Amino acid sequence: FIYKRPGAELPPPARRVVMEAEQMPVQPVGFPTEDGRGWIYFENGELREARQVLEAGVYQIEVSVYGKRADGSTVDPLIDLKVDGQRVGANIAVGNHYGSYGTYVISNVRILGGSHDFAVVLTNFQTDGTWEGTGTVIADSMTVRKVGNILPDFASRINDGSPYTSSRNVTVHLTQPGQVRP
């Protein structure tokens, strides 16, 4: 019921939605990077933006971020990616590579067409009480890229009408006219 185009995203109009962190309208306490290209989290919170997805499909969500551990900590900063307030995929441990953006990807996210809230959430802000010793995440961008289609007849029947899932377990209910769905 799902088909993917091998090795590439789908052509327009379904290509991708790109959100720049420093321009997202909902921002946690923090501030833009010196070069104005990213957002530095200064507490747990989320960068969030509502965007239109033109078509139902299978998407991958990519986030470009880098992390910094708190002084003396061995724990990497953790982020979640959310669609409409629901986490997709597992927590992402953002490696301690301060100053060098990395791209983290959650695949196989099923999203129906329409408006959705997309968020990058820092979940374990760390501080030793000083700016120099604070562990944090610096976010650059989030990209939502369509990589496959859900056949139109089945889009509204996936997971009882839920708008997305990151699970590989997808339930499709098929009914004949006049039949009642269990």
Protein backbone atom coordinates (compact mmCIF):
# COMPACT_ATOMS: atom_id res chain seq x y z
CA PHE A 1 0.00 0.00 0.00
CA ILE A 2 3.02 2.26 0.33
CA TYR A 3 5.42 2.74 -2.49
CA LYS A 4 8.69 4.61 -2.46
CA ARG A 5 10.78 6.05 -5.21
CA PRO A 6 14.22 4.53 -4.59
CA GLY A 7 16.95 6.91 -3.48
CA ALA A 8 15.20 10.23 -4.04
CA GLU A 9 12.44 12.46 -2.89
CA LEU A 10 9.31 12.84 -4.95
CA PRO A 11 9.04 15.61 -7.57
CA PRO A 12 7.02 18.83 -7.04
CA PRO A 13 4.54 19.79 -5.71
CA ALA A 14 5.20 17.39 -2.85
CA ARG A 15 8.93 17.93 -2.49
CA ARG A 16 9.75 19.34 0.90
CA VAL A 17 9.05 21.87 3.59
CA VAL A 18 12.10 23.63 5.09
CA MET A 19 11.90 25.57 8.36
CA GLU A 20 14.80 27.73 9.54
CA ALA A 21 15.19 27.62 13.33
CA GLU A 22 15.84 31.32 13.80
CA GLN A 23 12.63 32.16 11.89
CA MET A 24 10.29 29.65 13.56
CA PRO A 25 7.52 31.59 15.33
CA VAL A 26 7.48 29.54 18.56
CA GLN A 27 10.90 29.56 20.22
CA PRO A 28 12.13 28.45 23.65
CA VAL A 29 14.11 30.78 25.90
CA GLY A 30 17.35 31.34 24.04
CA PHE A 31 18.78 33.50 21.31
CA PRO A 32 20.00 33.43 17.69
CA THR A 33 23.54 32.34 16.92
CA GLU A 34 26.13 35.04 16.18
CA ASP A 35 25.83 34.42 12.45
CA GLY A 36 22.01 34.54 12.68
CA ARG A 37 21.78 31.08 11.13
CA GLY A 38 20.51 29.08 14.13
CA TRP A 39 18.85 29.13 17.54
CA ILE A 40 20.58 28.38 20.86
CA TYR A 41 18.30 26.76 23.45
CA PHE A 42 18.77 28.15 26.95
CA GLU A 43 16.27 25.81 28.63
CA ASN A 44 14.10 22.82 27.74
CA GLY A 45 11.56 23.83 25.16
CA GLU A 46 10.55 23.61 21.56
CA LEU A 47 11.06 25.37 18.29
CA ARG A 48 7.72 24.99 16.53
CA GLU A 49 6.05 26.07 13.32
CA ALA A 50 2.75 25.22 11.61
CA ARG A 51 3.24 24.37 7.95
CA GLN A 52 1.10 23.02 5.15
CA VAL A 53 1.77 19.52 3.80
CA LEU A 54 0.31 19.33 0.31
CA GLU A 55 -0.19 15.58 0.05
CA ALA A 56 -0.61 12.54 2.24
CA GLY A 57 2.49 10.40 2.11
CA VAL A 58 5.52 8.85 3.70
CA TYR A 59 7.96 11.52 4.85
CA GLN A 60 11.35 11.74 6.43
CA ILE A 61 12.08 14.50 8.89
CA GLU A 62 15.63 15.84 9.07
CA VAL A 63 16.96 18.25 11.65
CA SER A 64 20.30 20.04 11.44
CA VAL A 65 21.66 20.62 14.96
CA TYR A 66 24.77 20.44 17.10
CA GLY A 67 25.17 19.84 20.78
CA LYS A 68 27.35 20.80 23.71
CA ARG A 69 27.51 18.78 26.93
CA ALA A 70 27.53 20.60 30.24
CA ASP A 71 31.02 20.79 31.73
CA GLY A 72 31.86 17.49 33.43
CA SER A 73 28.83 15.70 31.96
CA THR A 74 29.00 12.50 29.95
CA VAL A 75 25.37 12.85 28.81
CA ASP A 76 24.62 14.19 25.33
CA PRO A 77 21.76 16.64 24.88
CA LEU A 78 18.51 14.90 23.83
CA ILE A 79 15.94 16.15 21.36
CA ASP A 80 12.59 14.88 20.13
CA LEU A 81 10.96 15.60 16.79
CA LYS A 82 7.21 16.09 17.01
CA VAL A 83 4.32 16.37 14.57
CA ASP A 84 1.14 17.85 16.02
CA GLY A 85 2.49 17.42 19.55
CA GLN A 86 3.27 13.70 19.14
CA ARG A 87 6.85 12.45 19.15
CA VAL A 88 7.90 10.65 15.97
CA GLY A 89 10.75 8.18 16.27
CA ALA A 90 12.99 7.80 19.30
CA ASN A 91 14.87 10.42 21.33
CA ILE A 92 17.89 11.69 19.45
CA ALA A 93 21.17 12.04 21.36
CA VAL A 94 22.86 15.04 19.77
CA GLY A 95 26.58 14.31 19.75
CA ASN A 96 28.99 16.57 21.59
CA HIS A 97 30.31 18.24 18.43
CA TYR A 98 30.00 21.91 19.35
CA GLY A 99 30.36 24.15 16.31
CA SER A 100 29.72 21.52 13.63
CA TYR A 101 26.13 20.86 12.52
CA GLY A 102 25.03 17.24 12.11
CA THR A 103 21.90 15.99 10.36
CA TYR A 104 19.62 13.59 12.23
CA VAL A 105 16.83 11.78 10.36
CA ILE A 106 13.56 10.11 11.34
CA SER A 107 12.20 8.01 8.46
CA ASN A 108 8.88 6.41 7.58
CA VAL A 109 6.67 9.12 9.07
CA ARG A 110 3.19 8.96 7.55
CA ILE A 111 1.48 12.34 7.32
CA LEU A 112 -1.87 13.27 5.78
CA GLY A 113 -2.18 16.45 3.71
CA GLY A 114 -3.10 19.63 5.58
CA SER A 115 -1.69 21.94 8.24
CA HIS A 116 0.58 20.39 10.87
CA ASP A 117 2.74 21.66 13.76
CA PHE A 118 6.37 20.54 13.45
CA ALA A 119 8.70 20.88 16.45
CA VAL A 120 12.28 20.26 17.57
CA VAL A 121 12.18 19.77 21.36
CA LEU A 122 15.17 19.89 23.75
CA THR A 123 14.31 17.51 26.61
CA ASN A 124 17.36 17.47 28.94
CA PHE A 125 18.86 20.96 29.28
CA GLN A 126 21.99 20.81 31.47
CA THR A 127 23.78 23.59 33.32
CA ASP A 128 26.47 24.00 35.92
CA GLY A 129 25.23 27.53 36.68
CA THR A 130 27.56 29.32 34.25
CA TRP A 131 27.17 30.07 30.56
CA GLU A 132 30.52 28.48 29.75
CA GLY A 133 29.58 25.25 31.52
CA THR A 134 26.07 24.95 30.13
CA GLY A 135 25.12 22.05 27.89
CA THR A 136 22.69 22.84 25.12
CA VAL A 137 21.56 22.34 21.54
CA ILE A 138 21.93 24.75 18.65
CA ALA A 139 19.34 24.16 15.91
CA ASP A 140 19.73 25.28 12.31
CA SER A 141 16.79 23.85 10.37
CA MET A 142 14.12 21.18 10.02
CA THR A 143 13.23 19.62 6.66
CA VAL A 144 10.14 17.53 6.01
CA ARG A 145 10.77 15.58 2.79
CA LYS A 146 8.24 13.39 1.00
CA VAL A 147 9.81 10.06 0.01
CA GLY A 148 6.78 7.89 -0.77
CA ASN A 149 3.08 7.84 -1.43
CA ILE A 150 0.19 6.27 0.36
CA LEU A 151 -2.33 5.14 -2.21
CA PRO A 152 -5.22 7.63 -2.03
CA ASP A 153 -7.89 4.98 -1.33
CA PHE A 154 -6.09 4.03 1.88
CA ALA A 155 -4.86 7.40 3.20
CA SER A 156 -7.94 8.02 5.36
CA ARG A 157 -7.98 4.44 6.72
CA ILE A 158 -4.46 4.29 8.10
CA ASN A 159 -4.32 3.81 11.87
CA ASP A 160 -8.01 4.62 12.29
CA GLY A 161 -7.57 8.05 10.68
CA SER A 162 -4.55 9.20 12.71
CA PRO A 163 -2.66 11.82 10.69
CA TYR A 164 0.74 10.09 10.97
CA THR A 165 2.69 7.31 12.57
CA SER A 166 6.36 6.45 12.87
CA SER A 167 5.47 2.83 13.49
CA ARG A 168 6.05 0.07 10.98
CA ASN A 169 2.76 -1.45 12.18
CA VAL A 170 0.07 0.16 10.07
CA THR A 171 -3.55 -0.93 10.32
CA VAL A 172 -5.71 -0.63 7.20
CA HIS A 173 -9.46 -1.26 7.43
CA LEU A 174 -11.16 -2.33 4.21
CA THR A 175 -14.94 -2.32 4.07
CA GLN A 176 -17.49 -2.88 1.36
CA PRO A 177 -20.35 -0.42 0.91
CA GLY A 178 -22.91 -1.08 3.64
CA GLN A 179 -20.47 -2.93 5.92
CA VAL A 180 -19.68 -1.66 9.38
CA ARG A 181 -16.05 -1.40 10.30
CA PRO A 182 -15.09 -3.38 13.45
